[in-house]
Amino acid sequence: MSGWADFLLITKELDELVHRPVHEKNRVSIVEHVEGLLDRRDTMLRDLTQPVDEEKVMVQEVLQRDLRINQKLEFLFSGLKRDMRNMKKQKSSKQRYINPYQSVSGYDGTYVDHKK
């Protein structure tokens, strides 16, 4: 197979992968698999030559799929950032519930004489 055909196969696999439903249980495996495919595409992209007439159809399909992949990756990335923010909020809320007086200053109600 030519380089562009291999590149198209990897792009199709990546497109199918990012359009799978993502749950908390399979998120880590999907992200790792996506990173692996993106790394493979990156190394292949460096070795690709200028497409000839027969390969231009493949290049157009790669470009169309690439737009869909980028949109879906942005959506997944924003969902991941939202989940990380929620986890941070939950952690701080839990910490405040466990020790509600942690943020209270130690000098409340004390008199400090500055005269000497």
N, C-alpha and C. Protein backbone atom coordinates (compact mmCIF):
# COMPACT_ATOMS: atom_id res chain seq x y z
N MET A 1 0.84 -1.19 0.00
CA MET A 1 0.00 0.00 0.00
C MET A 1 0.88 1.25 0.00
N SER A 2 0.32 2.28 -0.53
CA SER A 2 1.06 3.54 -0.54
C SER A 2 0.95 4.22 0.82
N GLY A 3 1.75 5.24 1.02
CA GLY A 3 1.76 5.97 2.27
C GLY A 3 0.43 6.66 2.54
N TRP A 4 -0.17 7.20 1.49
CA TRP A 4 -1.44 7.90 1.69
C TRP A 4 -2.56 6.94 2.03
N ALA A 5 -2.53 5.73 1.50
CA ALA A 5 -3.56 4.74 1.83
C ALA A 5 -3.44 4.32 3.29
N ASP A 6 -2.22 4.11 3.77
CA ASP A 6 -2.01 3.79 5.19
C ASP A 6 -2.46 4.94 6.08
N PHE A 7 -2.12 6.15 5.66
CA PHE A 7 -2.50 7.33 6.41
C PHE A 7 -4.03 7.44 6.50
N LEU A 8 -4.71 7.12 5.39
CA LEU A 8 -6.17 7.16 5.36
C LEU A 8 -6.75 6.10 6.29
N LEU A 9 -6.16 4.91 6.33
CA LEU A 9 -6.66 3.86 7.22
C LEU A 9 -6.54 4.27 8.68
N ILE A 10 -5.42 4.86 9.04
CA ILE A 10 -5.24 5.32 10.42
C ILE A 10 -6.21 6.43 10.74
N THR A 11 -6.44 7.32 9.78
CA THR A 11 -7.40 8.42 9.97
C THR A 11 -8.81 7.88 10.16
N LYS A 12 -9.18 6.87 9.39
CA LYS A 12 -10.51 6.25 9.55
C LYS A 12 -10.64 5.62 10.93
N GLU A 13 -9.60 4.92 11.37
CA GLU A 13 -9.63 4.29 12.69
C GLU A 13 -9.76 5.34 13.79
N LEU A 14 -9.04 6.44 13.64
CA LEU A 14 -9.12 7.53 14.61
C LEU A 14 -10.50 8.16 14.60
N ASP A 15 -11.08 8.32 13.43
CA ASP A 15 -12.42 8.90 13.31
C ASP A 15 -13.45 8.01 14.01
N GLU A 16 -13.36 6.71 13.81
CA GLU A 16 -14.29 5.80 14.47
C GLU A 16 -14.09 5.80 15.98
N LEU A 17 -12.84 5.91 16.41
CA LEU A 17 -12.54 5.87 17.83
C LEU A 17 -13.08 7.10 18.57
N VAL A 18 -12.90 8.28 18.00
CA VAL A 18 -13.35 9.49 18.70
C VAL A 18 -14.87 9.63 18.68
N HIS A 19 -15.54 8.93 17.79
CA HIS A 19 -16.99 9.01 17.75
C HIS A 19 -17.67 7.91 18.57
N ARG A 20 -16.89 7.12 19.28
CA ARG A 20 -17.47 6.14 20.21
C ARG A 20 -17.95 6.89 21.45
N PRO A 21 -18.97 6.33 22.13
CA PRO A 21 -19.40 6.96 23.38
C PRO A 21 -18.30 6.84 24.44
N VAL A 22 -18.07 7.92 25.16
CA VAL A 22 -17.04 7.94 26.19
C VAL A 22 -17.71 7.95 27.55
N HIS A 23 -17.29 7.00 28.38
CA HIS A 23 -17.78 6.90 29.75
C HIS A 23 -16.59 7.01 30.68
N GLU A 24 -16.86 7.12 31.95
CA GLU A 24 -15.77 7.22 32.93
C GLU A 24 -14.91 5.97 32.91
N LYS A 25 -15.50 4.82 32.63
CA LYS A 25 -14.77 3.56 32.67
C LYS A 25 -13.81 3.40 31.49
N ASN A 26 -14.23 3.87 30.30
CA ASN A 26 -13.39 3.65 29.13
C ASN A 26 -12.63 4.91 28.68
N ARG A 27 -12.72 5.98 29.43
CA ARG A 27 -12.09 7.23 29.03
C ARG A 27 -10.58 7.11 28.92
N VAL A 28 -9.96 6.47 29.90
CA VAL A 28 -8.50 6.37 29.92
C VAL A 28 -8.00 5.57 28.73
N SER A 29 -8.66 4.45 28.45
CA SER A 29 -8.21 3.61 27.33
C SER A 29 -8.41 4.33 26.00
N ILE A 30 -9.50 5.06 25.85
CA ILE A 30 -9.75 5.79 24.60
C ILE A 30 -8.71 6.89 24.41
N VAL A 31 -8.41 7.62 25.48
CA VAL A 31 -7.43 8.71 25.37
C VAL A 31 -6.06 8.15 25.01
N GLU A 32 -5.67 7.03 25.63
CA GLU A 32 -4.38 6.42 25.32
C GLU A 32 -4.33 5.94 23.87
N HIS A 33 -5.42 5.33 23.42
CA HIS A 33 -5.47 4.85 22.04
C HIS A 33 -5.43 6.01 21.05
N VAL A 34 -6.14 7.08 21.36
CA VAL A 34 -6.13 8.27 20.49
C VAL A 34 -4.71 8.85 20.42
N GLU A 35 -4.03 8.93 21.56
CA GLU A 35 -2.66 9.45 21.56
C GLU A 35 -1.75 8.59 20.71
N GLY A 36 -1.91 7.27 20.80
CA GLY A 36 -1.09 6.37 19.99
C GLY A 36 -1.33 6.56 18.50
N LEU A 37 -2.60 6.67 18.12
CA LEU A 37 -2.92 6.88 16.71
C LEU A 37 -2.42 8.23 16.21
N LEU A 38 -2.52 9.26 17.05
CA LEU A 38 -2.03 10.58 16.64
C LEU A 38 -0.51 10.57 16.48
N ASP A 39 0.18 9.83 17.35
CA ASP A 39 1.63 9.71 17.21
C ASP A 39 2.00 8.98 15.92
N ARG A 40 1.27 7.91 15.61
CA ARG A 40 1.53 7.18 14.36
C ARG A 40 1.28 8.08 13.15
N ARG A 41 0.20 8.84 13.22
CA ARG A 41 -0.10 9.75 12.10
C ARG A 41 1.00 10.81 11.96
N ASP A 42 1.50 11.29 13.09
CA ASP A 42 2.54 12.31 13.07
C ASP A 42 3.80 11.78 12.40
N THR A 43 4.20 10.57 12.76
CA THR A 43 5.41 10.01 12.14
C THR A 43 5.20 9.71 10.66
N MET A 44 4.00 9.26 10.30
CA MET A 44 3.72 8.99 8.89
C MET A 44 3.65 10.27 8.07
N LEU A 45 3.15 11.33 8.68
CA LEU A 45 2.98 12.59 7.97
C LEU A 45 4.33 13.15 7.51
N ARG A 46 5.36 12.92 8.31
CA ARG A 46 6.70 13.40 7.95
C ARG A 46 7.26 12.68 6.73
N ASP A 47 6.84 11.41 6.54
CA ASP A 47 7.39 10.61 5.45
C ASP A 47 6.54 10.65 4.18
N LEU A 48 5.38 11.27 4.23
CA LEU A 48 4.51 11.30 3.05
C LEU A 48 5.09 12.20 1.97
N THR A 49 4.86 11.75 0.73
CA THR A 49 5.30 12.53 -0.42
C THR A 49 4.13 13.32 -0.97
N GLN A 50 4.42 14.14 -1.94
CA GLN A 50 3.37 14.92 -2.61
C GLN A 50 2.43 13.94 -3.30
N PRO A 51 1.11 14.08 -3.12
CA PRO A 51 0.17 13.11 -3.71
C PRO A 51 0.13 13.22 -5.23
N VAL A 52 -0.01 12.06 -5.86
CA VAL A 52 -0.22 12.03 -7.30
C VAL A 52 -1.72 12.08 -7.56
N ASP A 53 -2.11 12.04 -8.84
CA ASP A 53 -3.52 12.21 -9.19
C ASP A 53 -4.43 11.19 -8.53
N GLU A 54 -3.99 9.91 -8.45
CA GLU A 54 -4.84 8.88 -7.85
C GLU A 54 -5.00 9.09 -6.35
N GLU A 55 -4.02 9.68 -5.71
CA GLU A 55 -4.04 9.85 -4.26
C GLU A 55 -4.75 11.12 -3.80
N LYS A 56 -5.07 11.99 -4.71
CA LYS A 56 -5.72 13.25 -4.32
C LYS A 56 -7.11 13.02 -3.74
N VAL A 57 -7.79 11.98 -4.18
CA VAL A 57 -9.10 11.63 -3.62
C VAL A 57 -8.94 11.22 -2.15
N MET A 58 -7.88 10.44 -1.88
CA MET A 58 -7.60 10.03 -0.51
C MET A 58 -7.27 11.23 0.37
N VAL A 59 -6.53 12.16 -0.19
CA VAL A 59 -6.15 13.35 0.57
C VAL A 59 -7.39 14.17 0.94
N GLN A 60 -8.33 14.29 0.01
CA GLN A 60 -9.56 15.02 0.30
C GLN A 60 -10.37 14.34 1.39
N GLU A 61 -10.41 13.00 1.36
CA GLU A 61 -11.14 12.28 2.41
C GLU A 61 -10.45 12.45 3.76
N VAL A 62 -9.12 12.44 3.76
CA VAL A 62 -8.36 12.65 4.99
C VAL A 62 -8.66 14.03 5.56
N LEU A 63 -8.70 15.04 4.70
CA LEU A 63 -8.98 16.40 5.17
C LEU A 63 -10.38 16.52 5.76
N GLN A 64 -11.37 15.90 5.12
CA GLN A 64 -12.74 15.94 5.62
C GLN A 64 -12.85 15.24 6.97
N ARG A 65 -12.25 14.08 7.06
CA ARG A 65 -12.29 13.33 8.32
C ARG A 65 -11.51 14.07 9.41
N ASP A 66 -10.44 14.72 9.01
CA ASP A 66 -9.62 15.45 9.98
C ASP A 66 -10.42 16.58 10.63
N LEU A 67 -11.26 17.26 9.87
CA LEU A 67 -12.11 18.30 10.44
C LEU A 67 -13.07 17.72 11.47
N ARG A 68 -13.69 16.59 11.14
CA ARG A 68 -14.61 15.94 12.07
C ARG A 68 -13.88 15.48 13.33
N ILE A 69 -12.68 14.94 13.14
CA ILE A 69 -11.89 14.46 14.28
C ILE A 69 -11.53 15.62 15.19
N ASN A 70 -11.09 16.73 14.62
CA ASN A 70 -10.71 17.90 15.43
C ASN A 70 -11.89 18.43 16.23
N GLN A 71 -13.06 18.50 15.61
CA GLN A 71 -14.24 18.98 16.32
C GLN A 71 -14.59 18.06 17.48
N LYS A 72 -14.55 16.76 17.25
CA LYS A 72 -14.89 15.81 18.30
C LYS A 72 -13.84 15.83 19.41
N LEU A 73 -12.57 15.96 19.06
CA LEU A 73 -11.52 16.03 20.07
C LEU A 73 -11.66 17.27 20.94
N GLU A 74 -12.03 18.39 20.34
CA GLU A 74 -12.27 19.61 21.12
C GLU A 74 -13.43 19.40 22.09
N PHE A 75 -14.49 18.73 21.63
CA PHE A 75 -15.63 18.44 22.49
C PHE A 75 -15.22 17.54 23.65
N LEU A 76 -14.46 16.48 23.35
CA LEU A 76 -14.00 15.57 24.39
C LEU A 76 -13.06 16.28 25.37
N PHE A 77 -12.19 17.13 24.84
CA PHE A 77 -11.24 17.85 25.68
C PHE A 77 -11.97 18.81 26.62
N SER A 78 -13.00 19.48 26.12
CA SER A 78 -13.74 20.40 26.99
C SER A 78 -14.49 19.61 28.06
N GLY A 79 -15.01 18.44 27.73
CA GLY A 79 -15.66 17.60 28.74
C GLY A 79 -14.69 17.12 29.80
N LEU A 80 -13.49 16.79 29.38
CA LEU A 80 -12.46 16.36 30.32
C LEU A 80 -12.05 17.50 31.25
N LYS A 81 -11.92 18.71 30.70
CA LYS A 81 -11.58 19.86 31.53
C LYS A 81 -12.70 20.15 32.54
N ARG A 82 -13.94 20.02 32.10
CA ARG A 82 -15.08 20.25 32.99
C ARG A 82 -15.07 19.23 34.13
N ASP A 83 -14.82 17.97 33.80
CA ASP A 83 -14.77 16.94 34.84
C ASP A 83 -13.63 17.19 35.82
N MET A 84 -12.50 17.67 35.34
CA MET A 84 -11.37 17.97 36.22
C MET A 84 -11.70 19.12 37.16
N ARG A 85 -12.39 20.15 36.64
CA ARG A 85 -12.80 21.26 37.49
C ARG A 85 -13.77 20.79 38.57
N ASN A 86 -14.72 19.94 38.18
CA ASN A 86 -15.68 19.42 39.15
C ASN A 86 -15.00 18.59 40.22
N MET A 87 -14.01 17.80 39.84
CA MET A 87 -13.29 17.00 40.83
C MET A 87 -12.53 17.91 41.80
N LYS A 88 -11.97 18.99 41.30
CA LYS A 88 -11.24 19.92 42.16
C LYS A 88 -12.21 20.61 43.13
N LYS A 89 -13.39 20.99 42.63
CA LYS A 89 -14.40 21.60 43.50
C LYS A 89 -14.87 20.62 44.56
N GLN A 90 -15.08 19.37 44.17
CA GLN A 90 -15.51 18.37 45.13
C GLN A 90 -14.46 18.15 46.20
N LYS A 91 -13.20 18.16 45.81
CA LYS A 91 -12.12 17.97 46.76
C LYS A 91 -12.08 19.12 47.77
N SER A 92 -12.19 20.34 47.28
CA SER A 92 -12.15 21.48 48.19
C SER A 92 -13.41 21.53 49.07
N SER A 93 -14.56 21.17 48.53
CA SER A 93 -15.80 21.13 49.33
C SER A 93 -15.70 20.07 50.42
N LYS A 94 -15.15 18.94 50.08
CA LYS A 94 -14.98 17.87 51.06
C LYS A 94 -14.01 18.30 52.15
N GLN A 95 -12.93 18.97 51.76
CA GLN A 95 -11.95 19.43 52.73
C GLN A 95 -12.57 20.46 53.67
N ARG A 96 -13.40 21.37 53.13
CA ARG A 96 -14.07 22.36 53.98
C ARG A 96 -15.09 21.71 54.90
N TYR A 97 -15.71 20.64 54.47
CA TYR A 97 -16.67 19.94 55.30
C TYR A 97 -15.96 19.23 56.45
N ILE A 98 -14.81 18.63 56.15
CA ILE A 98 -14.05 17.92 57.18
C ILE A 98 -13.48 18.89 58.21
N ASN A 99 -12.91 20.00 57.76
CA ASN A 99 -12.28 20.96 58.66
C ASN A 99 -12.80 22.36 58.31
N PRO A 100 -13.96 22.75 58.83
CA PRO A 100 -14.56 24.03 58.43
C PRO A 100 -13.79 25.26 58.94
N TYR A 101 -12.97 25.11 59.96
CA TYR A 101 -12.27 26.26 60.53
C TYR A 101 -10.83 26.36 60.04
N GLN A 102 -10.49 25.67 58.98
CA GLN A 102 -9.13 25.68 58.46
C GLN A 102 -8.73 27.05 57.93
N SER A 103 -9.65 27.72 57.29
CA SER A 103 -9.31 29.00 56.67
C SER A 103 -9.44 30.18 57.62
N VAL A 104 -9.90 29.95 58.84
CA VAL A 104 -10.04 31.03 59.81
C VAL A 104 -8.65 31.41 60.30
N SER A 105 -8.42 32.69 60.37
CA SER A 105 -7.11 33.17 60.80
C SER A 105 -6.88 32.84 62.28
N GLY A 106 -5.65 32.60 62.64
CA GLY A 106 -5.29 32.26 64.00
C GLY A 106 -5.31 33.46 64.92
N TYR A 107 -5.39 34.67 64.39
CA TYR A 107 -5.34 35.88 65.20
C TYR A 107 -6.72 36.44 65.52
N ASP A 108 -7.77 35.74 65.17
CA ASP A 108 -9.10 36.24 65.46
C ASP A 108 -9.34 36.29 66.97
N GLY A 109 -9.75 37.46 67.45
CA GLY A 109 -10.09 37.59 68.85
C GLY A 109 -8.89 37.77 69.78
N THR A 110 -7.72 37.94 69.22
CA THR A 110 -6.55 38.12 70.07
C THR A 110 -6.09 39.58 69.96
N TYR A 111 -5.48 40.04 71.01
CA TYR A 111 -4.97 41.39 71.02
C TYR A 111 -3.44 41.32 70.90
N VAL A 112 -2.92 42.04 69.96
CA VAL A 112 -1.47 42.09 69.79
C VAL A 112 -1.04 43.53 70.08
N ASP A 113 -0.20 43.70 71.08
CA ASP A 113 0.29 45.02 71.46
C ASP A 113 1.55 45.31 70.65
N HIS A 114 1.50 46.37 69.86
CA HIS A 114 2.63 46.73 69.04
C HIS A 114 3.57 47.72 69.73
N LYS A 115 3.20 48.20 70.89
CA LYS A 115 4.05 49.17 71.60
C LYS A 115 5.16 48.43 72.34
N LYS A 116 6.27 49.08 72.46
CA LYS A 116 7.37 48.51 73.22
C LYS A 116 7.90 49.51 74.19
